[in-house]
Amino acid sequence: NIDNRSSQFWNWFNSNKAKYEYTLANLNSLHQGEIDE
């Protein structure tokens, strides 16, 4: 159901948000392929 899907999404994001913080903090130095991935 939709509640389970939203919980699943945010649980995943909380576990992986450091990767996106790093990506956003280093947009000028990362290869575009890494950002796209």
All heavy atoms as atom14 arrays in JSON, in Angstrom:
{
  "sequence": "NIDNRSSQFWNWFNSNKAKYEYTLANLNSLHQGEIDE",
  "atom14_mask": [
    [1, 1, 1, 1, 1, 1, 1, 1, 0, 0, 0, 0, 0, 0],
    [1, 1, 1, 1, 1, 1, 1, 1, 0, 0, 0, 0, 0, 0],
    [1, 1, 1, 1, 1, 1, 1, 1, 0, 0, 0, 0, 0, 0],
    [1, 1, 1, 1, 1, 1, 1, 1, 0, 0, 0, 0, 0, 0],
    [1, 1, 1, 1, 1, 1, 1, 1, 1, 1, 1, 0, 0, 0],
    [1, 1, 1, 1, 1, 1, 0, 0, 0, 0, 0, 0, 0, 0],
    [1, 1, 1, 1, 1, 1, 0, 0, 0, 0, 0, 0, 0, 0],
    [1, 1, 1, 1, 1, 1, 1, 1, 1, 0, 0, 0, 0, 0],
    [1, 1, 1, 1, 1, 1, 1, 1, 1, 1, 1, 0, 0, 0],
    [1, 1, 1, 1, 1, 1, 1, 1, 1, 1, 1, 1, 1, 1],
    [1, 1, 1, 1, 1, 1, 1, 1, 0, 0, 0, 0, 0, 0],
    [1, 1, 1, 1, 1, 1, 1, 1, 1, 1, 1, 1, 1, 1],
    [1, 1, 1, 1, 1, 1, 1, 1, 1, 1, 1, 0, 0, 0],
    [1, 1, 1, 1, 1, 1, 1, 1, 0, 0, 0, 0, 0, 0],
    [1, 1, 1, 1, 1, 1, 0, 0, 0, 0, 0, 0, 0, 0],
    [1, 1, 1, 1, 1, 1, 1, 1, 0, 0, 0, 0, 0, 0],
    [1, 1, 1, 1, 1, 1, 1, 1, 1, 0, 0, 0, 0, 0],
    [1, 1, 1, 1, 1, 0, 0, 0, 0, 0, 0, 0, 0, 0],
    [1, 1, 1, 1, 1, 1, 1, 1, 1, 0, 0, 0, 0, 0],
    [1, 1, 1, 1, 1, 1, 1, 1, 1, 1, 1, 1, 0, 0],
    [1, 1, 1, 1, 1, 1, 1, 1, 1, 0, 0, 0, 0, 0],
    [1, 1, 1, 1, 1, 1, 1, 1, 1, 1, 1, 1, 0, 0],
    [1, 1, 1, 1, 1, 1, 1, 0, 0, 0, 0, 0, 0, 0],
    [1, 1, 1, 1, 1, 1, 1, 1, 0, 0, 0, 0, 0, 0],
    [1, 1, 1, 1, 1, 0, 0, 0, 0, 0, 0, 0, 0, 0],
    [1, 1, 1, 1, 1, 1, 1, 1, 0, 0, 0, 0, 0, 0],
    [1, 1, 1, 1, 1, 1, 1, 1, 0, 0, 0, 0, 0, 0],
    [1, 1, 1, 1, 1, 1, 1, 1, 0, 0, 0, 0, 0, 0],
    [1, 1, 1, 1, 1, 1, 0, 0, 0, 0, 0, 0, 0, 0],
    [1, 1, 1, 1, 1, 1, 1, 1, 0, 0, 0, 0, 0, 0],
    [1, 1, 1, 1, 1, 1, 1, 1, 1, 1, 0, 0, 0, 0],
    [1, 1, 1, 1, 1, 1, 1, 1, 1, 0, 0, 0, 0, 0],
    [1, 1, 1, 1, 0, 0, 0, 0, 0, 0, 0, 0, 0, 0],
    [1, 1, 1, 1, 1, 1, 1, 1, 1, 0, 0, 0, 0, 0],
    [1, 1, 1, 1, 1, 1, 1, 1, 0, 0, 0, 0, 0, 0],
    [1, 1, 1, 1, 1, 1, 1, 1, 0, 0, 0, 0, 0, 0],
    [1, 1, 1, 1, 1, 1, 1, 1, 1, 0, 0, 0, 0, 0]
  ],
  "atom14_positions": [
    [[0.83, -1.2, 0.0], [0.0, 0.0, 0.0], [0.86, 1.26, 0.0], [2.09, 1.2, 0.21], [-0.99, 0.0, 1.17], [-0.31, 0.05, 2.52], [0.68, 0.76, 2.7], [-0.83, -0.69, 3.49], [0.0, 0.0, 0.0], [0.0, 0.0, 0.0], [0.0, 0.0, 0.0], [0.0, 0.0, 0.0], [0.0, 0.0, 0.0], [0.0, 0.0, 0.0]],
    [[0.21, 2.4, -0.17], [0.96, 3.65, -0.37], [1.75, 4.04, 0.87], [2.86, 4.58, 0.78], [0.0, 4.78, -0.82], [0.8, 6.0, -1.29], [-0.97, 5.15, 0.31], [-0.04, 7.03, -2.0], [0.0, 0.0, 0.0], [0.0, 0.0, 0.0], [0.0, 0.0, 0.0], [0.0, 0.0, 0.0], [0.0, 0.0, 0.0], [0.0, 0.0, 0.0]],
    [[1.2, 3.75, 2.06], [1.93, 4.08, 3.29], [3.21, 3.28, 3.39], [4.27, 3.8, 3.79], [1.04, 3.82, 4.51], [-0.1, 4.83, 4.62], [0.05, 5.94, 4.08], [-1.13, 4.5, 5.22], [0.0, 0.0, 0.0], [0.0, 0.0, 0.0], [0.0, 0.0, 0.0], [0.0, 0.0, 0.0], [0.0, 0.0, 0.0], [0.0, 0.0, 0.0]],
    [[3.14, 2.0, 3.04], [4.34, 1.17, 3.08], [5.37, 1.62, 2.05], [6.57, 1.6, 2.31], [3.97, -0.3, 2.85], [3.26, -0.91, 4.03], [3.34, -0.4, 5.15], [2.53, -1.99, 3.8], [0.0, 0.0, 0.0], [0.0, 0.0, 0.0], [0.0, 0.0, 0.0], [0.0, 0.0, 0.0], [0.0, 0.0, 0.0], [0.0, 0.0, 0.0]],
    [[4.88, 2.04, 0.87], [5.81, 2.5, -0.17], [6.52, 3.78, 0.25], [7.71, 3.96, 0.0], [5.07, 2.69, -1.5], [4.61, 1.41, -2.15], [4.35, 1.6, -3.63], [3.36, 2.63, -3.9], [2.06, 2.42, -3.99], [1.57, 1.2, -3.81], [1.23, 3.4, -4.26], [0.0, 0.0, 0.0], [0.0, 0.0, 0.0], [0.0, 0.0, 0.0]],
    [[5.78, 4.7, 0.89], [6.42, 5.94, 1.33], [7.43, 5.67, 2.44], [8.52, 6.24, 2.45], [5.36, 6.96, 1.79], [4.61, 6.48, 2.89], [0.0, 0.0, 0.0], [0.0, 0.0, 0.0], [0.0, 0.0, 0.0], [0.0, 0.0, 0.0], [0.0, 0.0, 0.0], [0.0, 0.0, 0.0], [0.0, 0.0, 0.0], [0.0, 0.0, 0.0]],
    [[7.08, 4.78, 3.37], [8.02, 4.43, 4.45], [9.26, 3.77, 3.87], [10.4, 4.06, 4.3], [7.35, 3.49, 5.46], [6.29, 4.14, 6.12], [0.0, 0.0, 0.0], [0.0, 0.0, 0.0], [0.0, 0.0, 0.0], [0.0, 0.0, 0.0], [0.0, 0.0, 0.0], [0.0, 0.0, 0.0], [0.0, 0.0, 0.0], [0.0, 0.0, 0.0]],
    [[9.06, 2.89, 2.91], [10.19, 2.22, 2.27], [11.1, 3.23, 1.6], [12.34, 3.13, 1.69], [9.67, 1.2, 1.26], [10.76, 0.39, 0.57], [10.19, -0.52, -0.5], [9.59, -0.07, -1.48], [10.35, -1.83, -0.31], [0.0, 0.0, 0.0], [0.0, 0.0, 0.0], [0.0, 0.0, 0.0], [0.0, 0.0, 0.0], [0.0, 0.0, 0.0]],
    [[10.51, 4.21, 0.91], [11.32, 5.22, 0.22], [12.14, 6.03, 1.21], [13.36, 6.2, 1.02], [10.42, 6.14, -0.61], [11.17, 7.3, -1.21], [11.98, 7.11, -2.32], [11.11, 8.56, -0.65], [12.7, 8.16, -2.87], [11.83, 9.62, -1.18], [12.62, 9.41, -2.3], [0.0, 0.0, 0.0], [0.0, 0.0, 0.0], [0.0, 0.0, 0.0]],
    [[11.52, 6.53, 2.27], [12.26, 7.37, 3.21], [13.28, 6.58, 4.01], [14.34, 7.11, 4.37], [11.3, 8.12, 4.13], [10.5, 9.16, 3.41], [9.14, 9.24, 3.32], [11.01, 10.27, 2.65], [8.76, 10.32, 2.55], [9.89, 10.97, 2.13], [12.29, 10.73, 2.37], [10.02, 12.11, 1.35], [12.43, 11.87, 1.58], [11.31, 12.55, 1.08]],
    [[12.99, 5.33, 4.29], [13.99, 4.49, 4.95], [15.22, 4.32, 4.06], [16.37, 4.38, 4.53], [13.39, 3.12, 5.29], [12.41, 3.18, 6.43], [12.44, 4.11, 7.24], [11.53, 2.18, 6.51], [0.0, 0.0, 0.0], [0.0, 0.0, 0.0], [0.0, 0.0, 0.0], [0.0, 0.0, 0.0], [0.0, 0.0, 0.0], [0.0, 0.0, 0.0]],
    [[14.96, 4.12, 2.77], [16.08, 4.0, 1.83], [16.86, 5.32, 1.78], [18.1, 5.32, 1.83], [15.58, 3.65, 0.43], [16.66, 3.78, -0.59], [17.64, 2.87, -0.9], [16.94, 4.94, -1.4], [18.49, 3.39, -1.84], [18.09, 4.64, -2.17], [16.31, 6.17, -1.55], [18.62, 5.56, -3.08], [16.85, 7.09, -2.45], [17.98, 6.77, -3.2]],
    [[16.14, 6.44, 1.69], [16.83, 7.72, 1.56], [17.65, 8.03, 2.81], [18.78, 8.51, 2.72], [15.82, 8.85, 1.3], [16.49, 10.18, 1.07], [17.31, 10.39, -0.02], [16.32, 11.22, 1.97], [17.94, 11.61, -0.23], [16.95, 12.44, 1.78], [17.77, 12.63, 0.68], [0.0, 0.0, 0.0], [0.0, 0.0, 0.0], [0.0, 0.0, 0.0]],
    [[17.11, 7.77, 4.0], [17.85, 8.02, 5.22], [19.14, 7.2, 5.27], [20.16, 7.67, 5.78], [16.99, 7.69, 6.45], [16.22, 8.9, 6.95], [16.82, 9.91, 7.3], [14.9, 8.8, 6.95], [0.0, 0.0, 0.0], [0.0, 0.0, 0.0], [0.0, 0.0, 0.0], [0.0, 0.0, 0.0], [0.0, 0.0, 0.0], [0.0, 0.0, 0.0]],
    [[19.08, 6.02, 4.7], [20.26, 5.16, 4.69], [21.28, 5.58, 3.64], [22.46, 5.19, 3.72], [19.85, 3.7, 4.44], [19.02, 3.22, 5.47], [0.0, 0.0, 0.0], [0.0, 0.0, 0.0], [0.0, 0.0, 0.0], [0.0, 0.0, 0.0], [0.0, 0.0, 0.0], [0.0, 0.0, 0.0], [0.0, 0.0, 0.0], [0.0, 0.0, 0.0]],
    [[20.84, 6.37, 2.66], [21.72, 6.72, 1.53], [21.91, 8.22, 1.35], [22.58, 8.65, 0.4], [21.14, 6.14, 0.23], [21.22, 4.63, 0.18], [22.21, 4.06, -0.27], [20.17, 3.97, 0.66], [0.0, 0.0, 0.0], [0.0, 0.0, 0.0], [0.0, 0.0, 0.0], [0.0, 0.0, 0.0], [0.0, 0.0, 0.0], [0.0, 0.0, 0.0]],
    [[21.36, 9.02, 2.25], [21.4, 10.47, 2.04], [22.82, 11.04, 2.06], [23.1, 12.05, 1.39], [20.53, 11.19, 3.07], [21.0, 11.11, 4.51], [19.96, 11.72, 5.43], [20.42, 11.73, 6.88], [21.48, 12.72, 7.12], [0.0, 0.0, 0.0], [0.0, 0.0, 0.0], [0.0, 0.0, 0.0], [0.0, 0.0, 0.0], [0.0, 0.0, 0.0]],
    [[23.72, 10.38, 2.77], [25.11, 10.87, 2.8], [25.71, 10.89, 1.4], [26.5, 11.78, 1.06], [25.95, 10.0, 3.73], [0.0, 0.0, 0.0], [0.0, 0.0, 0.0], [0.0, 0.0, 0.0], [0.0, 0.0, 0.0], [0.0, 0.0, 0.0], [0.0, 0.0, 0.0], [0.0, 0.0, 0.0], [0.0, 0.0, 0.0], [0.0, 0.0, 0.0]],
    [[25.33, 9.92, 0.58], [25.83, 9.87, -0.8], [25.36, 11.09, -1.58], [26.13, 11.68, -2.37], [25.34, 8.59, -1.48], [25.71, 8.49, -2.94], [25.19, 7.19, -3.54], [25.56, 7.07, -5.02], [25.07, 5.79, -5.6], [0.0, 0.0, 0.0], [0.0, 0.0, 0.0], [0.0, 0.0, 0.0], [0.0, 0.0, 0.0], [0.0, 0.0, 0.0]],
    [[24.11, 11.5, -1.35], [23.57, 12.65, -2.09], [24.1, 13.96, -1.52], [24.28, 14.93, -2.26], [22.04, 12.57, -2.08], [21.59, 11.4, -2.93], [21.35, 10.15, -2.36], [21.5, 11.52, -4.31], [21.01, 9.06, -3.15], [21.15, 10.44, -5.11], [20.92, 9.22, -4.52], [20.6, 8.13, -5.32], [0.0, 0.0, 0.0], [0.0, 0.0, 0.0]],
    [[24.37, 14.0, -0.23], [25.01, 15.18, 0.34], [26.41, 15.36, -0.25], [26.8, 16.48, -0.59], [25.08, 15.03, 1.86], [23.7, 15.07, 2.53], [23.73, 14.64, 3.99], [24.84, 14.42, 4.52], [22.65, 14.51, 4.58], [0.0, 0.0, 0.0], [0.0, 0.0, 0.0], [0.0, 0.0, 0.0], [0.0, 0.0, 0.0], [0.0, 0.0, 0.0]],
    [[27.11, 14.25, -0.37], [28.45, 14.32, -0.97], [28.36, 14.76, -2.44], [29.15, 15.59, -2.89], [29.12, 12.95, -0.87], [30.47, 12.89, -1.56], [31.62, 13.35, -0.9], [30.6, 12.4, -2.86], [32.85, 13.32, -1.54], [31.84, 12.36, -3.49], [32.95, 12.82, -2.82], [34.18, 12.79, -3.45], [0.0, 0.0, 0.0], [0.0, 0.0, 0.0]],
    [[27.39, 14.2, -3.16], [27.24, 14.55, -4.58], [26.95, 16.03, -4.75], [27.58, 16.72, -5.58], [26.11, 13.72, -5.21], [26.42, 12.33, -5.11], [25.9, 14.08, -6.68], [0.0, 0.0, 0.0], [0.0, 0.0, 0.0], [0.0, 0.0, 0.0], [0.0, 0.0, 0.0], [0.0, 0.0, 0.0], [0.0, 0.0, 0.0], [0.0, 0.0, 0.0]],
    [[26.02, 16.56, -3.96], [25.65, 17.97, -4.1], [26.79, 18.89, -3.66], [26.96, 19.98, -4.21], [24.39, 18.26, -3.28], [23.11, 17.59, -3.77], [21.95, 17.9, -2.83], [22.76, 18.02, -5.19], [0.0, 0.0, 0.0], [0.0, 0.0, 0.0], [0.0, 0.0, 0.0], [0.0, 0.0, 0.0], [0.0, 0.0, 0.0], [0.0, 0.0, 0.0]],
    [[27.56, 18.45, -2.68], [28.66, 19.28, -2.19], [29.84, 19.29, -3.15], [30.72, 20.16, -3.05], [29.11, 18.79, -0.81], [0.0, 0.0, 0.0], [0.0, 0.0, 0.0], [0.0, 0.0, 0.0], [0.0, 0.0, 0.0], [0.0, 0.0, 0.0], [0.0, 0.0, 0.0], [0.0, 0.0, 0.0], [0.0, 0.0, 0.0], [0.0, 0.0, 0.0]],
    [[29.86, 18.33, -4.08], [31.01, 18.2, -4.98], [30.61, 18.17, -6.46], [31.28, 17.53, -7.27], [31.78, 16.92, -4.62], [32.39, 16.97, -3.24], [33.44, 17.55, -3.04], [31.69, 16.37, -2.27], [0.0, 0.0, 0.0], [0.0, 0.0, 0.0], [0.0, 0.0, 0.0], [0.0, 0.0, 0.0], [0.0, 0.0, 0.0], [0.0, 0.0, 0.0]],
    [[29.57, 18.89, -6.8], [29.09, 18.88, -8.18], [30.16, 19.34, -9.16], [30.21, 18.87, -10.31], [27.84, 19.77, -8.3], [26.55, 19.24, -7.69], [25.45, 20.28, -7.8], [26.12, 17.94, -8.36], [0.0, 0.0, 0.0], [0.0, 0.0, 0.0], [0.0, 0.0, 0.0], [0.0, 0.0, 0.0], [0.0, 0.0, 0.0], [0.0, 0.0, 0.0]],
    [[30.98, 20.28, -8.75], [31.98, 20.84, -9.67], [33.17, 19.93, -9.91], [33.91, 20.11, -10.87], [32.46, 22.2, -9.16], [31.37, 23.25, -9.18], [30.48, 23.2, -10.03], [31.43, 24.19, -8.25], [0.0, 0.0, 0.0], [0.0, 0.0, 0.0], [0.0, 0.0, 0.0], [0.0, 0.0, 0.0], [0.0, 0.0, 0.0], [0.0, 0.0, 0.0]],
    [[33.37, 18.96, -9.02], [34.54, 18.1, -9.16], [34.21, 16.67, -9.59], [35.08, 15.96, -10.08], [35.32, 18.06, -7.83], [34.5, 17.59, -6.78], [0.0, 0.0, 0.0], [0.0, 0.0, 0.0], [0.0, 0.0, 0.0], [0.0, 0.0, 0.0], [0.0, 0.0, 0.0], [0.0, 0.0, 0.0], [0.0, 0.0, 0.0], [0.0, 0.0, 0.0]],
    [[32.95, 16.26, -9.42], [32.57, 14.9, -9.79], [32.38, 14.77, -11.29], [31.96, 15.72, -11.96], [31.28, 14.5, -9.08], [31.36, 14.21, -7.58], [29.97, 13.96, -7.01], [32.27, 13.03, -7.3], [0.0, 0.0, 0.0], [0.0, 0.0, 0.0], [0.0, 0.0, 0.0], [0.0, 0.0, 0.0], [0.0, 0.0, 0.0], [0.0, 0.0, 0.0]],
    [[32.66, 13.6, -11.83], [32.39, 13.32, -13.23], [30.88, 13.28, -13.43], [30.12, 12.8, -12.58], [33.02, 11.97, -13.62], [32.97, 11.7, -15.09], [31.85, 11.18, -15.71], [33.91, 11.88, -16.07], [32.1, 11.06, -17.01], [33.34, 11.48, -17.25], [0.0, 0.0, 0.0], [0.0, 0.0, 0.0], [0.0, 0.0, 0.0], [0.0, 0.0, 0.0]],
    [[30.42, 13.8, -14.57], [28.98, 13.86, -14.82], [28.34, 12.47, -14.75], [27.19, 12.33, -14.32], [28.72, 14.49, -16.19], [27.23, 14.75, -16.47], [26.61, 15.7, -15.47], [27.19, 16.73, -15.14], [25.42, 15.36, -14.98], [0.0, 0.0, 0.0], [0.0, 0.0, 0.0], [0.0, 0.0, 0.0], [0.0, 0.0, 0.0], [0.0, 0.0, 0.0]],
    [[29.07, 11.45, -15.15], [28.54, 10.09, -15.1], [28.21, 9.66, -13.69], [27.21, 8.95, -13.45], [0.0, 0.0, 0.0], [0.0, 0.0, 0.0], [0.0, 0.0, 0.0], [0.0, 0.0, 0.0], [0.0, 0.0, 0.0], [0.0, 0.0, 0.0], [0.0, 0.0, 0.0], [0.0, 0.0, 0.0], [0.0, 0.0, 0.0], [0.0, 0.0, 0.0]],
    [[29.05, 10.07, -12.71], [28.78, 9.74, -11.31], [27.52, 10.43, -10.82], [26.71, 9.84, -10.09], [29.98, 10.16, -10.45], [31.27, 9.41, -10.72], [32.38, 9.93, -9.85], [32.45, 9.54, -8.68], [33.2, 10.75, -10.36], [0.0, 0.0, 0.0], [0.0, 0.0, 0.0], [0.0, 0.0, 0.0], [0.0, 0.0, 0.0], [0.0, 0.0, 0.0]],
    [[27.37, 11.69, -11.22], [26.18, 12.45, -10.8], [24.93, 11.82, -11.4], [23.92, 11.6, -10.7], [26.32, 13.92, -11.23], [27.52, 14.56, -10.57], [25.04, 14.69, -10.91], [27.87, 15.94, -11.09], [0.0, 0.0, 0.0], [0.0, 0.0, 0.0], [0.0, 0.0, 0.0], [0.0, 0.0, 0.0], [0.0, 0.0, 0.0], [0.0, 0.0, 0.0]],
    [[24.98, 11.52, -12.69], [23.82, 10.93, -13.37], [23.45, 9.59, -12.74], [22.26, 9.3, -12.56], [24.12, 10.74, -14.86], [24.24, 12.06, -15.6], [23.8, 13.09, -15.05], [24.77, 12.05, -16.73], [0.0, 0.0, 0.0], [0.0, 0.0, 0.0], [0.0, 0.0, 0.0], [0.0, 0.0, 0.0], [0.0, 0.0, 0.0], [0.0, 0.0, 0.0]],
    [[24.45, 8.8, -12.41], [24.17, 7.49, -11.81], [23.44, 7.64, -10.48], [22.46, 6.95, -10.21], [25.46, 6.72, -11.6], [25.25, 5.34, -10.99], [26.55, 4.59, -10.76], [27.62, 5.15, -11.05], [26.48, 3.44, -10.29], [0.0, 0.0, 0.0], [0.0, 0.0, 0.0], [0.0, 0.0, 0.0], [0.0, 0.0, 0.0], [0.0, 0.0, 0.0]]
  ]
}
